[in-house]
């Protein structure tokens, strides 16, 4: 039973992410824009730190 949970965990996680992304996209285009802005705010400092 435990191996079944471990095996399916990535599938469930990916499914959850896809469902959340789909829900966010349907919720409002503005939510997608906010998500992109938030992602860039995390990505840019990381890129600068890595010297990209």
N, C-alpha and C. Protein backbone atom coordinates (compact mmCIF):
# COMPACT_ATOMS: atom_id res chain seq x y z
N UNK A 1 0.84 -1.21 0.00
CA UNK A 1 0.00 0.00 0.00
C UNK A 1 0.87 1.25 0.00
N UNK A 2 1.95 1.18 0.76
CA UNK A 2 2.80 2.36 0.86
C UNK A 2 3.49 2.66 -0.47
N UNK A 3 3.94 1.62 -1.16
CA UNK A 3 4.60 1.82 -2.45
C UNK A 3 3.62 2.42 -3.47
N UNK A 4 2.35 2.06 -3.36
CA UNK A 4 1.34 2.63 -4.26
C UNK A 4 1.25 4.14 -4.06
N UNK A 5 1.28 4.58 -2.79
CA UNK A 5 1.19 6.00 -2.47
C UNK A 5 2.42 6.73 -3.02
N UNK A 6 3.60 6.15 -2.80
CA UNK A 6 4.83 6.78 -3.28
C UNK A 6 4.84 6.88 -4.80
N UNK A 7 4.37 5.82 -5.45
CA UNK A 7 4.35 5.79 -6.91
C UNK A 7 3.39 6.82 -7.48
N UNK A 8 2.25 7.01 -6.84
CA UNK A 8 1.21 7.89 -7.38
C UNK A 8 1.33 9.34 -6.91
N UNK A 9 2.18 9.58 -5.93
CA UNK A 9 2.29 10.93 -5.39
C UNK A 9 2.67 11.96 -6.46
N UNK A 10 3.69 11.69 -7.30
CA UNK A 10 4.02 12.68 -8.35
C UNK A 10 2.87 12.92 -9.32
N UNK A 11 2.13 11.85 -9.63
CA UNK A 11 0.99 11.97 -10.56
C UNK A 11 -0.10 12.83 -9.94
N UNK A 12 -0.39 12.58 -8.67
CA UNK A 12 -1.41 13.37 -7.97
C UNK A 12 -0.96 14.82 -7.86
N UNK A 13 0.32 15.03 -7.55
CA UNK A 13 0.86 16.38 -7.41
C UNK A 13 0.78 17.14 -8.74
N UNK A 14 1.20 16.49 -9.82
CA UNK A 14 1.14 17.11 -11.15
C UNK A 14 -0.31 17.41 -11.53
N UNK A 15 -1.21 16.45 -11.24
CA UNK A 15 -2.62 16.67 -11.53
C UNK A 15 -3.18 17.85 -10.76
N UNK A 16 -2.76 17.98 -9.52
CA UNK A 16 -3.19 19.11 -8.69
C UNK A 16 -2.69 20.43 -9.24
N UNK A 17 -1.44 20.45 -9.69
CA UNK A 17 -0.88 21.67 -10.28
C UNK A 17 -1.63 22.06 -11.54
N UNK A 18 -1.92 21.08 -12.38
CA UNK A 18 -2.64 21.35 -13.63
C UNK A 18 -4.04 21.86 -13.34
N UNK A 19 -4.70 21.23 -12.36
CA UNK A 19 -6.04 21.66 -11.98
C UNK A 19 -6.03 23.08 -11.41
N UNK A 20 -5.02 23.37 -10.59
CA UNK A 20 -4.91 24.71 -10.01
C UNK A 20 -4.63 25.75 -11.09
N UNK A 21 -3.77 25.41 -12.04
CA UNK A 21 -3.47 26.32 -13.14
C UNK A 21 -4.71 26.56 -14.00
N UNK A 22 -5.46 25.48 -14.27
CA UNK A 22 -6.69 25.60 -15.05
C UNK A 22 -7.72 26.46 -14.34
N UNK A 23 -7.85 26.26 -13.03
CA UNK A 23 -8.79 27.04 -12.25
C UNK A 23 -8.39 28.51 -12.23
N UNK A 24 -7.10 28.77 -12.08
CA UNK A 24 -6.61 30.15 -12.06
C UNK A 24 -6.84 30.83 -13.41
N UNK A 25 -6.63 30.07 -14.50
CA UNK A 25 -6.82 30.63 -15.84
C UNK A 25 -8.28 30.97 -16.08
N UNK A 26 -9.19 30.13 -15.57
CA UNK A 26 -10.62 30.39 -15.74
C UNK A 26 -11.10 31.49 -14.81
N UNK A 27 -10.45 31.59 -13.65
CA UNK A 27 -10.87 32.55 -12.63
C UNK A 27 -10.81 33.97 -13.19
N UNK A 28 -9.67 34.34 -13.73
CA UNK A 28 -9.52 35.67 -14.30
C UNK A 28 -8.17 35.76 -14.99
N UNK A 29 -8.12 36.38 -16.16
CA UNK A 29 -6.83 36.61 -16.82
C UNK A 29 -5.89 37.41 -15.92
N UNK A 30 -6.47 38.30 -15.11
CA UNK A 30 -5.67 39.10 -14.18
C UNK A 30 -4.91 38.25 -13.19
N UNK A 31 -5.48 37.12 -12.78
CA UNK A 31 -4.80 36.23 -11.86
C UNK A 31 -3.57 35.63 -12.51
N UNK A 32 -3.67 35.32 -13.80
CA UNK A 32 -2.52 34.81 -14.55
C UNK A 32 -1.42 35.86 -14.63
N UNK A 33 -1.80 37.11 -14.86
CA UNK A 33 -0.83 38.20 -14.93
C UNK A 33 -0.12 38.34 -13.58
N UNK A 34 -0.89 38.29 -12.49
CA UNK A 34 -0.30 38.39 -11.16
C UNK A 34 0.66 37.23 -10.91
N UNK A 35 0.29 36.03 -11.36
CA UNK A 35 1.16 34.87 -11.19
C UNK A 35 2.47 35.04 -11.95
N UNK A 36 2.39 35.58 -13.16
CA UNK A 36 3.60 35.83 -13.96
C UNK A 36 4.48 36.86 -13.27
N UNK A 37 3.87 37.94 -12.77
CA UNK A 37 4.63 38.99 -12.08
C UNK A 37 5.31 38.41 -10.84
N UNK A 38 4.56 37.62 -10.07
CA UNK A 38 5.13 37.00 -8.87
C UNK A 38 6.27 36.06 -9.25
N UNK A 39 6.10 35.32 -10.33
CA UNK A 39 7.15 34.42 -10.79
C UNK A 39 8.40 35.17 -11.21
N UNK A 40 8.22 36.29 -11.90
CA UNK A 40 9.36 37.10 -12.33
C UNK A 40 10.09 37.70 -11.12
N UNK A 41 9.33 38.11 -10.12
CA UNK A 41 9.95 38.67 -8.91
C UNK A 41 10.81 37.64 -8.20
N UNK A 42 10.47 36.36 -8.34
CA UNK A 42 11.29 35.30 -7.77
C UNK A 42 12.45 34.95 -8.71
N UNK A 43 12.18 34.99 -10.01
CA UNK A 43 13.13 34.52 -11.01
C UNK A 43 14.28 35.51 -11.23
N UNK A 44 13.97 36.80 -11.31
CA UNK A 44 14.99 37.80 -11.62
C UNK A 44 16.10 37.86 -10.57
N UNK A 45 15.78 37.95 -9.26
CA UNK A 45 16.86 37.95 -8.27
C UNK A 45 17.69 36.67 -8.31
N UNK A 46 17.02 35.54 -8.57
CA UNK A 46 17.72 34.26 -8.66
C UNK A 46 18.67 34.27 -9.85
N UNK A 47 18.20 34.79 -10.97
CA UNK A 47 19.01 34.87 -12.18
C UNK A 47 20.21 35.79 -11.94
N UNK A 48 19.99 36.92 -11.28
CA UNK A 48 21.08 37.84 -10.98
C UNK A 48 22.09 37.21 -10.04
N UNK A 49 21.59 36.44 -9.06
CA UNK A 49 22.46 35.78 -8.10
C UNK A 49 23.34 34.75 -8.79
N UNK A 50 22.79 34.08 -9.80
CA UNK A 50 23.54 33.07 -10.54
C UNK A 50 24.46 33.71 -11.59
N UNK A 51 24.32 35.01 -11.77
CA UNK A 51 25.17 35.71 -12.73
C UNK A 51 24.71 35.53 -14.16
N UNK A 52 23.39 35.30 -14.35
CA UNK A 52 22.84 35.10 -15.70
C UNK A 52 22.73 36.38 -16.37
